[in-house]
Protein backbone atom coordinates (compact mmCIF):
# COMPACT_ATOMS: atom_id res chain seq x y z
CA MET A 1 0.00 0.00 0.00
CA ARG A 2 2.86 2.34 0.81
CA TYR A 3 4.39 1.77 -2.65
CA ILE A 4 1.09 2.65 -4.31
CA GLY A 5 0.92 5.89 -2.34
CA TRP A 6 4.48 6.85 -3.28
CA THR A 7 3.82 5.99 -6.93
CA LEU A 8 0.73 8.21 -7.03
CA LEU A 9 2.59 11.02 -5.26
CA ILE A 10 5.54 10.87 -7.68
CA ALA A 11 3.17 10.70 -10.67
CA PHE A 12 1.33 13.80 -9.39
CA TRP A 13 4.50 15.87 -8.95
CA VAL A 14 5.96 14.77 -12.29
CA SER A 15 2.70 15.70 -14.05
CA PHE A 16 2.56 19.03 -12.22
CA ALA A 17 6.19 19.81 -13.14
CA ALA A 18 5.46 18.98 -16.80
CA PHE A 19 2.39 21.23 -16.70
CA LEU A 20 4.47 24.13 -15.35
CA HIS A 21 7.25 23.53 -17.87
CA TYR A 22 4.74 23.63 -20.71
CA THR A 23 2.76 26.63 -19.45
CA LEU A 24 5.35 29.01 -17.97
CA PRO A 25 7.10 31.41 -20.36
CA GLN A 26 10.55 30.61 -21.70
CA ARG A 27 13.00 32.76 -23.63
CA ASP A 28 15.30 31.82 -26.50
CA ILE A 29 18.01 33.86 -28.19
CA VAL A 30 17.61 33.15 -31.89
CA ARG A 31 17.99 34.56 -35.38
CA VAL A 32 14.84 34.63 -37.49
CA THR A 33 15.46 32.95 -40.85
CA GLY A 34 11.96 33.21 -42.27
CA THR A 35 8.22 33.03 -41.75
CA GLU A 36 5.59 30.88 -43.45
CA ILE A 37 1.97 29.83 -43.28
CA ILE A 38 0.99 26.17 -43.57
CA ARG A 39 -2.37 24.42 -43.68
CA LYS A 40 -2.74 22.35 -40.51
CA ASP A 41 -5.26 19.60 -39.77
CA PHE A 42 -6.19 19.80 -36.09
CA SER A 43 -7.14 16.27 -35.13
CA GLY A 44 -5.91 13.57 -32.78
CA VAL A 45 -3.75 14.05 -29.71
CA SER A 46 -1.84 17.03 -31.13
CA ARG A 47 -5.03 19.14 -31.02
CA LEU A 48 -4.58 19.46 -27.24
CA PHE A 49 -1.33 21.39 -27.73
CA TYR A 50 -2.68 24.11 -30.01
CA ALA A 51 -4.33 27.37 -29.05
CA GLN A 52 -7.57 28.67 -30.42
CA VAL A 53 -8.11 30.43 -33.74
CA ASP A 54 -7.55 34.16 -34.06
CA THR A 55 -10.05 36.27 -32.16
CA GLY A 56 -13.16 36.77 -34.28
CA ASP A 57 -12.62 33.71 -36.49
CA VAL A 58 -14.54 30.43 -36.49
CA ASP A 59 -12.81 27.28 -35.24
CA VAL A 60 -12.78 24.54 -37.89
CA GLY A 61 -11.08 21.17 -38.35
CA ASN A 62 -8.18 22.66 -40.34
CA ARG A 63 -6.87 26.17 -40.77
CA ASP A 64 -3.79 28.21 -41.59
CA LEU A 65 -0.99 28.09 -39.03
CA ARG A 66 1.66 30.80 -38.85
CA LEU A 67 5.20 29.57 -38.29
CA ILE A 68 8.39 31.45 -37.39
CA ASN A 69 11.60 29.70 -38.44
CA THR A 70 14.72 30.52 -36.43
CA THR A 71 18.28 29.39 -35.76
CA ARG A 72 19.88 29.39 -32.33
CA VAL A 73 23.39 30.45 -31.39
CA ASN A 74 24.55 26.82 -31.62
CA ASP A 75 23.08 26.60 -35.17
CA ARG A 76 20.21 24.39 -34.04
CA VAL A 77 16.90 25.07 -35.77
CA SER A 78 13.84 26.16 -33.74
CA VAL A 79 10.35 26.55 -35.18
CA TYR A 80 7.60 28.45 -33.35
CA ARG A 81 3.91 28.68 -34.10
CA ASN A 82 2.18 32.04 -33.83
CA GLU A 83 -1.37 31.74 -32.50
CA ASP A 84 -3.68 33.93 -30.45
CA THR A 85 -4.38 32.65 -26.95
CA GLY A 86 -7.25 35.06 -26.40
CA PHE A 87 -8.76 34.80 -22.96
CA SER A 88 -8.37 31.03 -22.67
CA TRP A 89 -5.60 28.97 -21.07
CA PRO A 90 -2.76 29.70 -20.74
CA PRO A 91 -3.60 33.28 -19.72
CA TYR A 92 -1.21 35.24 -21.94
CA PHE A 93 -4.08 37.26 -23.48
CA LYS A 94 -2.33 37.29 -26.85
CA LEU A 95 -4.51 38.92 -29.51
CA ASP A 96 -1.91 40.23 -31.97
CA SER A 97 -0.53 37.21 -33.80
CA SER A 98 -0.75 39.06 -37.14
CA ASN A 99 1.36 41.91 -35.78
CA LEU A 100 3.85 39.46 -34.31
CA GLN A 101 4.17 37.72 -37.68
CA ALA A 102 4.99 41.08 -39.26
CA GLU A 103 7.60 41.78 -36.57
CA ALA A 104 9.17 38.37 -37.14
CA ALA A 105 9.28 38.96 -40.91
CA ASP A 106 10.90 42.34 -40.33
CA ALA A 107 13.52 40.74 -38.05
CA THR A 108 14.58 38.17 -40.67
CA SER A 109 18.33 38.19 -41.22
CA THR A 110 21.13 36.17 -42.78
CA ARG A 111 24.12 34.48 -41.19
CA ALA A 112 26.44 37.13 -42.63
CA ALA A 113 24.39 40.02 -41.21
CA ALA A 114 22.78 38.38 -38.22
CA GLN A 115 20.14 40.21 -36.21
CA TRP A 116 19.53 38.44 -32.90
CA VAL A 117 16.22 38.53 -31.07
CA VAL A 118 14.68 37.10 -27.91
CA VAL A 119 11.59 34.98 -28.52
CA ARG A 120 9.34 34.64 -25.51
CA HIS A 121 7.20 31.52 -25.82
CA TYR A 122 5.51 28.63 -24.05
CA GLY A 123 4.98 25.01 -25.02
CA TRP A 124 7.05 22.18 -26.47
CA ARG A 125 8.46 21.16 -29.82
CA SER A 126 7.76 17.55 -30.81
CA PRO A 127 8.35 16.39 -34.41
CA PHE A 128 6.58 13.13 -33.57
CA LEU A 129 3.36 14.90 -32.48
CA SER A 130 3.91 17.76 -34.93
CA ILE A 131 3.55 20.46 -32.28
CA TYR A 132 5.43 23.73 -31.83
CA PRO A 133 5.95 26.18 -28.98
CA ASN A 134 3.77 29.28 -29.29
CA ALA A 135 5.66 32.56 -29.65
CA ILE A 136 4.35 35.34 -27.42
CA SER A 137 6.67 38.21 -28.24
CA ILE A 138 9.86 39.10 -30.10
CA ARG A 139 12.33 41.81 -29.21
CA PRO A 140 15.73 42.63 -30.76
CA ILE A 141 18.93 42.44 -28.72
CA GLU A 142 22.48 43.62 -29.35
CA GLY A 143 23.98 40.18 -29.86
CA PRO A 144 23.87 36.48 -28.96
CA ASP A 145 25.70 37.16 -25.68
CA ALA A 146 23.39 39.97 -24.54
CA ASN A 147 22.09 39.85 -20.98
CA ILE A 148 18.32 39.26 -21.15
CA GLY A 149 17.81 39.44 -17.37
CA LEU A 150 16.24 37.06 -14.91
CA PRO A 151 12.93 35.33 -15.62
CA TRP A 152 11.04 37.32 -13.00
CA VAL A 153 7.61 36.06 -14.05
CA ASN A 154 8.63 32.45 -13.48
CA ILE A 155 10.36 33.30 -10.20
CA ILE A 156 7.29 35.10 -8.85
CA ILE A 157 4.86 32.36 -9.95
CA LEU A 158 7.02 29.53 -8.57
CA THR A 159 7.52 31.43 -5.30
CA LEU A 160 3.76 31.95 -4.91
CA LEU A 161 3.12 28.28 -5.66
CA ALA A 162 5.75 27.24 -3.12
CA VAL A 163 4.13 29.46 -0.47
CA LEU A 164 0.70 28.05 -1.35
CA PHE A 165 1.80 24.42 -1.13
CA TYR A 166 3.67 25.10 2.12
CA ALA A 167 0.55 26.68 3.63
CA ILE A 168 -1.55 23.69 2.53
CA TRP A 169 1.04 21.27 3.93
CA VAL A 170 1.16 23.07 7.31
CA ARG A 171 -2.64 23.06 7.60
CA TRP A 172 -2.78 19.40 6.58
CA ARG A 173 -0.24 18.49 9.27
CA ARG A 174 -2.25 20.40 11.88
CA PHE A 175 -5.50 18.76 10.75
CA ARG A 176 -3.92 15.32 10.74
CA LYS A 177 -2.39 15.82 14.17
CA ALA A 178 -5.65 17.14 15.64
CA ARG A 179 -8.20 14.89 13.91
CA ILE A 180 -6.74 11.93 12.04
CA ASP A 181 -3.90 10.76 14.31
CA PRO A 182 -6.12 10.50 17.44
CA LYS A 183 -8.65 8.44 15.46
CA LEU A 184 -5.92 6.15 14.17
CA GLU A 185 -4.54 5.73 17.67
CA GLU A 186 -8.04 4.98 18.94
CA LEU A 187 -8.56 2.37 16.22
CA GLN A 188 -5.21 0.81 17.01
CA ASP A 189 -6.01 0.70 20.73
CA ASN A 190 -9.40 -0.88 20.01
CA TRP A 191 -7.78 -3.42 17.70
CA GLU A 192 -5.19 -4.30 20.31
CA ALA A 193 -7.87 -4.51 23.01
CA ALA A 194 -9.95 -6.79 20.78
CA GLY A 195 -6.90 -8.95 20.18
CA ASP A 196 -6.18 -9.15 23.90
CA ALA A 197 -9.82 -10.09 24.56
CA VAL A 198 -9.68 -12.86 21.97
CA THR A 199 -6.41 -14.13 23.41
CA ALA A 200 -7.86 -14.10 26.93
CA LYS A 201 -10.99 -15.93 25.76
CA ARG A 202 -8.89 -18.55 24.02
CA GLY A 203 -6.90 -18.94 27.20
CA ARG A 204 -10.04 -19.55 29.25
CA ILE A 205 -11.35 -22.07 26.71
CA GLY A 206 -7.99 -23.81 26.71
CA ARG A 207 -7.95 -24.06 30.48
CA TRP A 208 -11.54 -25.41 30.45
CA LEU A 209 -10.57 -28.04 27.91
CA ASP A 210 -7.58 -28.95 30.01
CA THR A 211 -9.89 -29.70 32.94
CA TRP A 212 -11.78 -32.19 30.75
CA LYS A 213 -8.53 -33.77 29.63
CA SER A 214 -7.46 -34.31 33.24
CA LYS A 215 -10.68 -36.20 33.91
């Protein structure tokens, strides 16, 4: 039973960590190499990883998907989708995907005359599921070694979550100490008392049988 509890607890924290990693904003230093629009069929498991259509449009089974193609400092390729999040989850309230696509197109550069930018995004890239992280914003920087600062949004959110979970844990410990532990101790005492009573009864029966054996 203890192993089942630990398994469920580990599964919960791993799932929660994956949820935070997918949802919280991340920043990449990249060079935009181009933009494109592809026709995407939104069906199957991958549909869960895409945002909604642009604000004011109708959601259908397939639609155009804006992509931003980039190259990182280490020459690895990164592809971002560019979708509105609207007022749904995650709460980035992004309503300007068309403007962002224009900014990305304007920031396109070559290797010889590289223009580096910081792409703020959330989500994962999976070629197997055909999903892309969603770009939230793009801003130019001086170079690939520029200081982009600390991720204050993530620090604040993680700190608030830590405080929340600590408060829940403290209240749970108090509740368990005041309500659950006494009940468990009472059940254990009753179980032990019942066991002692059974043992005593068996002892009396055994002694009674011994009197018949002696006769």
